[in-house]
């Protein structure tokens, strides 16, 4: 896998926790930071995607249908 270098600022206490974890396990801080970033990106993309859809809905840019229209399109009308 290709990689790039990225710099970030973090609280001293958080950096110390990564240091301790790395020392205790024999892995690098970079390994654990990559693990944390990988696990959080799906959630962040999902949450911000929902917020974007809400903004679009509020601005009238999102196409909507009524419940009756949805039921009819799915063949579920009474």
C-alpha atoms as a PDB file:
ATOM      1  CA  UNK A   1       0.000   0.000   0.000  1.00  0.00           C
ATOM      2  CA  UNK A   2       1.341   3.429  -0.929  1.00  0.00           C
ATOM      3  CA  UNK A   3       1.573   5.929   1.897  1.00  0.00           C
ATOM      4  CA  UNK A   4       1.926   9.669   2.396  1.00  0.00           C
ATOM      5  CA  UNK A   5       3.190  11.664   5.342  1.00  0.00           C
ATOM      6  CA  UNK A   6       0.722  13.840   7.240  1.00  0.00           C
ATOM      7  CA  UNK A   7       1.425  15.993  10.265  1.00  0.00           C
ATOM      8  CA  UNK A   8      -1.120  16.614  12.978  1.00  0.00           C
ATOM      9  CA  UNK A   9      -1.256  18.276  16.343  1.00  0.00           C
ATOM     10  CA  UNK A  10      -2.715  16.358  19.252  1.00  0.00           C
ATOM     11  CA  UNK A  11      -2.972  16.852  22.998  1.00  0.00           C
ATOM     12  CA  UNK A  12       0.132  15.794  24.918  1.00  0.00           C
ATOM     13  CA  UNK A  13      -1.929  13.309  26.949  1.00  0.00           C
ATOM     14  CA  UNK A  14      -3.160  11.549  23.813  1.00  0.00           C
ATOM     15  CA  UNK A  15       0.348  11.330  22.365  1.00  0.00           C
ATOM     16  CA  UNK A  16       1.555   9.847  25.659  1.00  0.00           C
ATOM     17  CA  UNK A  17      -1.179   7.202  25.502  1.00  0.00           C
ATOM     18  CA  UNK A  18      -0.075   6.222  21.990  1.00  0.00           C
ATOM     19  CA  UNK A  19       3.537   6.072  23.219  1.00  0.00           C
ATOM     20  CA  UNK A  20       2.597   3.767  26.091  1.00  0.00           C
ATOM     21  CA  UNK A  21       0.498   1.526  23.870  1.00  0.00           C
ATOM     22  CA  UNK A  22       3.288   1.261  21.301  1.00  0.00           C
ATOM     23  CA  UNK A  23       5.890   0.414  23.949  1.00  0.00           C
ATOM     24  CA  UNK A  24       3.635  -2.143  25.620  1.00  0.00           C
ATOM     25  CA  UNK A  25       2.874  -3.990  22.395  1.00  0.00           C
ATOM     26  CA  UNK A  26       6.010  -3.571  20.327  1.00  0.00           C
ATOM     27  CA  UNK A  27       4.084  -1.824  17.559  1.00  0.00           C
ATOM     28  CA  UNK A  28       4.626   1.741  16.387  1.00  0.00           C
ATOM     29  CA  UNK A  29       2.525   4.789  17.209  1.00  0.00           C
ATOM     30  CA  UNK A  30       1.964   5.135  13.484  1.00  0.00           C
ATOM     31  CA  UNK A  31       0.395   1.682  13.377  1.00  0.00           C
ATOM     32  CA  UNK A  32      -2.133   2.568  16.078  1.00  0.00           C
ATOM     33  CA  UNK A  33      -2.874   6.011  14.663  1.00  0.00           C
ATOM     34  CA  UNK A  34      -3.574   4.425  11.265  1.00  0.00           C
ATOM     35  CA  UNK A  35      -5.839   1.869  12.941  1.00  0.00           C
ATOM     36  CA  UNK A  36      -7.793   4.639  14.676  1.00  0.00           C
ATOM     37  CA  UNK A  37      -8.108   6.717  11.508  1.00  0.00           C
ATOM     38  CA  UNK A  38      -9.198   3.722   9.446  1.00  0.00           C
ATOM     39  CA  UNK A  39     -11.885   2.755  11.954  1.00  0.00           C
ATOM     40  CA  UNK A  40     -13.291   6.282  12.205  1.00  0.00           C
ATOM     41  CA  UNK A  41     -13.419   7.322   8.538  1.00  0.00           C
ATOM     42  CA  UNK A  42     -16.500   5.233   7.656  1.00  0.00           C
ATOM     43  CA  UNK A  43     -18.470   6.739  10.544  1.00  0.00           C
ATOM     44  CA  UNK A  44     -17.357  10.283   9.729  1.00  0.00           C
ATOM     45  CA  UNK A  45     -18.229   9.947   6.035  1.00  0.00           C
ATOM     46  CA  UNK A  46     -21.644   8.531   6.963  1.00  0.00           C
ATOM     47  CA  UNK A  47     -22.432  11.248   9.509  1.00  0.00           C
ATOM     48  CA  UNK A  48     -21.346  14.129   7.271  1.00  0.00           C
ATOM     49  CA  UNK A  49     -23.194  12.568   4.344  1.00  0.00           C
ATOM     50  CA  UNK A  50     -26.404  12.584   6.380  1.00  0.00           C
ATOM     51  CA  UNK A  51     -25.817  16.191   7.434  1.00  0.00           C
ATOM     52  CA  UNK A  52     -25.363  17.137   3.760  1.00  0.00           C
ATOM     53  CA  UNK A  53     -28.634  15.438   2.845  1.00  0.00           C
ATOM     54  CA  UNK A  54     -30.427  17.318   5.660  1.00  0.00           C
ATOM     55  CA  UNK A  55     -29.001  20.609   4.365  1.00  0.00           C
ATOM     56  CA  UNK A  56     -30.113  19.717   0.838  1.00  0.00           C
ATOM     57  CA  UNK A  57     -33.602  18.804   2.102  1.00  0.00           C
ATOM     58  CA  UNK A  58     -33.930  22.057   4.053  1.00  0.00           C
ATOM     59  CA  UNK A  59     -32.823  24.037   0.991  1.00  0.00           C
ATOM     60  CA  UNK A  60     -35.329  22.219  -1.242  1.00  0.00           C
ATOM     61  CA  UNK A  61     -32.601  20.522  -3.316  1.00  0.00           C
ATOM     62  CA  UNK A  62     -33.574  16.976  -2.345  1.00  0.00           C
ATOM     63  CA  UNK A  63     -36.362  15.219  -4.197  1.00  0.00           C
ATOM     64  CA  UNK A  64     -38.903  13.704  -1.828  1.00  0.00           C
ATOM     65  CA  UNK A  65     -42.068  11.648  -2.167  1.00  0.00           C
ATOM     66  CA  UNK A  66     -45.013  11.205   0.140  1.00  0.00           C
ATOM     67  CA  UNK A  67     -45.612   7.944   1.959  1.00  0.00           C
ATOM     68  CA  UNK A  68     -48.620   7.321  -0.275  1.00  0.00           C
ATOM     69  CA  UNK A  69     -46.454   7.787  -3.393  1.00  0.00           C
ATOM     70  CA  UNK A  70     -43.828   5.420  -2.021  1.00  0.00           C
ATOM     71  CA  UNK A  71     -46.370   2.735  -1.148  1.00  0.00           C
ATOM     72  CA  UNK A  72     -47.927   3.058  -4.595  1.00  0.00           C
ATOM     73  CA  UNK A  73     -44.559   2.768  -6.357  1.00  0.00           C
ATOM     74  CA  UNK A  74     -43.834  -0.402  -4.351  1.00  0.00           C
ATOM     75  CA  UNK A  75     -47.281  -1.881  -5.012  1.00  0.00           C
ATOM     76  CA  UNK A  76     -48.251  -1.683  -1.327  1.00  0.00           C
ATOM     77  CA  UNK A  77     -51.330   0.541  -1.601  1.00  0.00           C
ATOM     78  CA  UNK A  78     -54.489  -0.688   0.088  1.00  0.00           C
END
